[in-house]
Protein backbone atom coordinates (compact mmCIF):
# COMPACT_ATOMS: atom_id res chain seq x y z
CA TYR A 1 -19.15 -42.14 15.58
CA LEU A 2 -20.01 -38.47 16.00
CA TRP A 3 -17.26 -35.87 15.99
CA GLN A 4 -17.69 -32.66 17.93
CA VAL A 5 -15.86 -29.32 18.12
CA TYR A 6 -15.65 -27.13 21.21
CA ASP A 7 -16.90 -23.58 20.62
CA GLY A 8 -15.58 -22.18 23.89
CA GLU A 9 -18.71 -22.95 25.88
CA GLU A 10 -20.05 -26.29 24.69
CA TRP A 11 -19.44 -29.15 22.33
CA ASP A 12 -21.11 -28.85 18.92
CA ASP A 13 -21.83 -31.78 16.62
CA ILE A 14 -20.04 -31.64 13.28
CA VAL A 15 -22.54 -32.48 10.55
CA GLY A 16 -21.45 -35.46 8.47
CA ALA A 17 -18.44 -36.31 10.68
CA SER A 18 -19.56 -39.86 11.46
CA SER A 19 -16.60 -42.14 10.79
CA SER A 20 -13.66 -43.18 12.92
CA THR A 21 -11.50 -40.54 11.20
CA TYR A 22 -12.17 -36.86 10.71
CA THR A 23 -10.30 -34.47 8.43
CA ALA A 24 -10.15 -31.17 10.27
CA PRO A 25 -10.29 -27.96 8.20
CA THR A 26 -7.05 -25.97 7.95
CA SER A 27 -8.09 -23.04 5.75
CA THR A 28 -8.24 -20.59 8.66
CA VAL A 29 -5.52 -19.69 11.14
CA GLY A 30 -6.57 -20.57 14.69
CA VAL A 31 -6.99 -23.30 17.32
CA ASN A 32 -9.83 -25.85 17.45
CA THR A 33 -10.47 -28.70 19.87
CA TYR A 34 -12.20 -31.92 18.83
CA ARG A 35 -13.52 -35.13 20.35
CA VAL A 36 -15.58 -38.06 19.13
CA LEU A 37 -18.61 -39.80 20.68
CA ILE A 38 -18.73 -43.53 20.06
CA ALA A 39 -21.93 -45.58 20.33
CA SER A 40 -22.34 -49.35 20.00
CA SER A 41 -25.27 -51.17 18.38
CA LEU A 42 -25.71 -52.77 21.81
CA SER A 43 -26.12 -49.36 23.47
CA GLY A 44 -22.57 -48.99 24.81
CA THR A 45 -21.08 -45.48 24.64
CA ALA A 46 -17.67 -43.85 25.08
CA THR A 47 -16.18 -40.42 24.62
CA SER A 48 -12.63 -39.90 23.39
CA ASP A 49 -10.12 -37.54 24.87
CA SER A 50 -10.04 -34.14 23.22
CA ALA A 51 -7.44 -33.25 20.59
CA THR A 52 -6.37 -29.74 19.65
CA VAL A 53 -5.50 -28.74 16.12
CA THR A 54 -3.48 -25.55 15.79
CA VAL A 55 -3.42 -23.95 12.32
CA SER A 56 -0.64 -21.42 11.84
CA ALA A 57 0.18 -19.18 8.91
CA ASP A 58 2.86 -20.62 6.67
CA THR A 59 6.21 -18.96 6.09
CA VAL A 60 6.87 -17.19 2.80
CA SER A 61 10.53 -16.74 1.90
CA ILE A 62 11.90 -14.38 -0.73
CA ILE A 63 14.39 -16.29 -2.87
CA THR A 64 15.26 -13.51 -5.34
CA ASN A 65 14.77 -9.81 -4.67
CA PRO A 66 14.33 -7.28 -7.48
CA GLY A 67 17.53 -5.48 -8.37
CA ASP A 68 18.36 -1.87 -9.14
CA THR A 69 18.51 -1.20 -12.85
CA GLN A 70 19.28 1.61 -15.28
CA VAL A 71 17.56 2.10 -18.62
CA TYR A 72 17.27 4.84 -21.22
CA VAL A 73 14.20 6.86 -22.12
CA ASN A 74 11.53 4.75 -23.86
CA GLU A 75 13.38 1.48 -23.25
CA GLY A 76 11.48 -1.37 -21.63
CA ALA A 77 12.09 -1.93 -17.93
CA SER A 78 10.86 -4.53 -15.45
CA VAL A 79 11.35 -5.73 -11.89
CA ALA A 80 10.96 -9.34 -10.77
CA CYS A 81 11.13 -11.50 -7.67
CA GLU A 82 10.95 -15.16 -6.69
CA ALA A 83 9.39 -16.53 -3.51
CA ILE A 84 8.41 -19.88 -1.98
CA SER A 85 6.12 -21.09 0.80
CA ASN A 86 6.96 -23.83 3.28
CA ALA A 87 3.36 -25.13 3.13
CA GLN A 88 2.64 -27.87 0.66
CA GLY A 89 -0.08 -26.86 -1.79
CA ALA A 90 0.07 -23.15 -0.99
CA THR A 91 -0.34 -20.71 -3.85
CA LEU A 92 1.38 -17.34 -3.86
CA SER A 93 -0.06 -14.00 -4.91
CA TYR A 94 1.93 -10.86 -5.68
CA GLN A 95 1.29 -7.14 -5.28
CA TRP A 96 3.86 -4.68 -6.57
CA GLN A 97 4.06 -1.31 -4.89
CA VAL A 98 5.71 1.98 -5.81
CA LEU A 99 7.15 4.55 -3.43
CA ASP A 100 5.12 7.73 -3.93
CA PRO A 101 6.34 11.35 -3.48
CA LEU A 102 5.20 11.26 0.16
CA TYR A 103 7.37 8.19 0.75
CA ASP A 104 4.35 5.92 1.20
CA TRP A 105 4.10 2.55 -0.52
CA THR A 106 1.17 2.47 -2.94
CA ASP A 107 -0.26 -0.62 -4.65
CA ILE A 108 0.10 -0.62 -8.44
CA SER A 109 -3.21 -1.61 -10.04
CA GLY A 110 -2.91 -4.85 -12.01
CA ALA A 111 0.70 -5.49 -10.96
CA THR A 112 -0.04 -8.92 -9.48
CA SER A 113 2.48 -11.32 -10.97
CA SER A 114 6.04 -12.10 -10.00
CA THR A 115 7.28 -9.75 -12.72
CA TYR A 116 6.14 -6.18 -13.27
CA SER A 117 6.96 -4.68 -16.66
CA GLY A 118 4.60 -1.70 -16.82
CA ILE A 119 7.22 0.81 -15.69
CA ASP A 120 6.92 4.25 -17.28
CA THR A 121 10.21 5.15 -19.00
CA SER A 122 8.94 8.08 -21.06
CA SER A 123 11.03 10.61 -19.15
CA THR A 124 14.19 10.74 -17.07
CA GLY A 125 14.08 10.15 -13.33
CA TYR A 126 13.84 7.22 -10.97
CA GLN A 127 11.14 5.08 -9.36
CA THR A 128 11.40 2.67 -6.45
CA PHE A 129 9.46 -0.59 -6.27
CA ARG A 130 8.89 -3.54 -3.96
CA CYS A 131 6.61 -6.58 -3.97
CA VAL A 132 4.40 -8.00 -1.20
CA VAL A 133 4.02 -11.77 -1.57
CA THR A 134 1.11 -13.49 0.18
CA SER A 135 0.38 -17.20 0.56
CA SER A 136 -3.08 -18.75 0.30
CA TYR A 137 -2.40 -20.04 3.84
CA GLY A 138 -1.83 -16.57 5.26
CA GLY A 139 1.94 -16.19 5.23
CA THR A 140 3.44 -13.02 3.81
CA ALA A 141 6.82 -11.53 2.94
CA THR A 142 8.03 -8.31 1.34
CA THR A 143 10.98 -7.95 -1.00
CA THR A 144 13.69 -5.37 -0.60
CA ALA A 145 13.20 -2.16 -2.56
CA ALA A 146 14.65 -1.74 -6.06
CA THR A 147 15.18 1.51 -7.93
CA VAL A 148 14.75 1.86 -11.69
CA THR A 149 16.65 4.88 -13.03
CA VAL A 150 15.73 6.29 -16.43
CA GLU A 151 18.42 8.32 -18.17
CA GLN A 152 18.61 10.17 -21.45
CA ARG A 153 20.79 8.42 -24.01
CA ASP A 154 23.71 10.64 -25.03
CA THR A 155 24.65 11.54 -28.61
CA ILE A 156 28.05 10.55 -29.99
CA THR A 157 29.54 12.74 -32.72
CA ILE A 158 32.47 11.58 -34.84
CA THR A 159 34.65 14.62 -35.40
CA ALA A 160 37.44 12.88 -37.36
CA GLN A 161 36.74 9.87 -39.58
CA PRO A 162 39.28 7.14 -40.49
CA GLN A 163 40.87 7.83 -43.88
CA SER A 164 41.45 5.51 -46.82
CA THR A 165 45.10 4.97 -47.74
CA ASN A 166 47.33 3.10 -50.19
CA VAL A 167 50.39 1.22 -48.91
CA VAL A 168 52.82 -1.44 -50.08
CA VAL A 169 53.18 -4.91 -48.59
CA ASN A 170 54.36 -4.97 -44.95
CA ASP A 171 53.89 -1.24 -44.41
CA THR A 172 52.37 -0.25 -41.09
CA VAL A 173 48.90 1.24 -41.39
CA THR A 174 47.19 3.00 -38.50
CA LEU A 175 43.58 4.01 -38.75
CA SER A 176 42.16 6.44 -36.23
CA VAL A 177 38.92 8.11 -35.27
CA THR A 178 37.99 10.97 -32.96
CA ALA A 179 34.61 11.09 -31.26
CA VAL A 180 32.89 13.00 -28.47
CA SER A 181 29.75 12.56 -26.40
CA ASP A 182 27.41 15.40 -25.51
CA ASN A 183 27.38 14.04 -21.95
CA PRO A 184 30.64 14.95 -20.19
CA SER A 185 30.32 12.00 -17.80
CA ALA A 186 30.11 9.45 -20.61
CA THR A 187 33.00 7.08 -21.30
CA LEU A 188 33.51 6.00 -24.90
CA SER A 189 34.48 2.50 -25.97
CA TYR A 190 35.64 1.43 -29.42
CA GLN A 191 35.39 -1.70 -31.58
CA TRP A 192 37.06 -1.76 -34.99
CA GLN A 193 35.54 -3.93 -37.67
CA ILE A 194 36.59 -5.23 -41.10
CA LYS A 195 34.23 -5.64 -44.01
CA ASN A 196 33.78 -9.26 -45.02
CA GLY A 197 31.61 -9.39 -48.10
CA ALA A 198 28.28 -7.82 -47.16
CA THR A 199 28.89 -7.75 -43.41
CA TYR A 200 31.29 -6.19 -40.93
CA ASP A 201 33.11 -8.47 -38.46
CA ASP A 202 34.66 -7.39 -35.16
CA ILE A 203 38.46 -7.36 -35.05
CA SER A 204 39.60 -9.07 -31.84
CA GLY A 205 41.48 -6.72 -29.55
CA ALA A 206 40.93 -3.64 -31.70
CA THR A 207 39.24 -1.60 -28.98
CA SER A 208 41.04 1.78 -28.90
């Protein structure tokens, strides 16, 4: 047996392809046409029909897109995605990109895993990211964009503290506190606690 591949003008012998089966390469997208020459030890010969092998890029699908998130200055922040390929044995590579001031997507050096956690949160503002996922078989997909917003944590000031009191059994005791935030848009929530030995435990429902 001698397998041959058609180069567009003539048939070329494939070195080492000398058995009744031939494993055609599939590492490159394209179309190749093959045939095999068969020779007998008694000088008989035959040529097979040609067979075409079409290699297409696989399909990469985004399973989980990165989501918008809000953090405070100097807190850790990350974006992540999940993708799959429909080609068995394919490996996926990742390239995170950031939207620059000119509204162009720019590759982030070293951001080549499914999660990117090198986001700068040293100052307030926002940054927008996406990830380009590429398969070893040529398929590609891009996630939706996700915005990470960095805000300054507000300061809460207690202007009136709860006061200690002495009562008799079954008297009603109301403790109160007054607090304000230096950010007018902030909403305050409350959780009263009771001291239990060395620790404080939340009181269920005491949230005003």
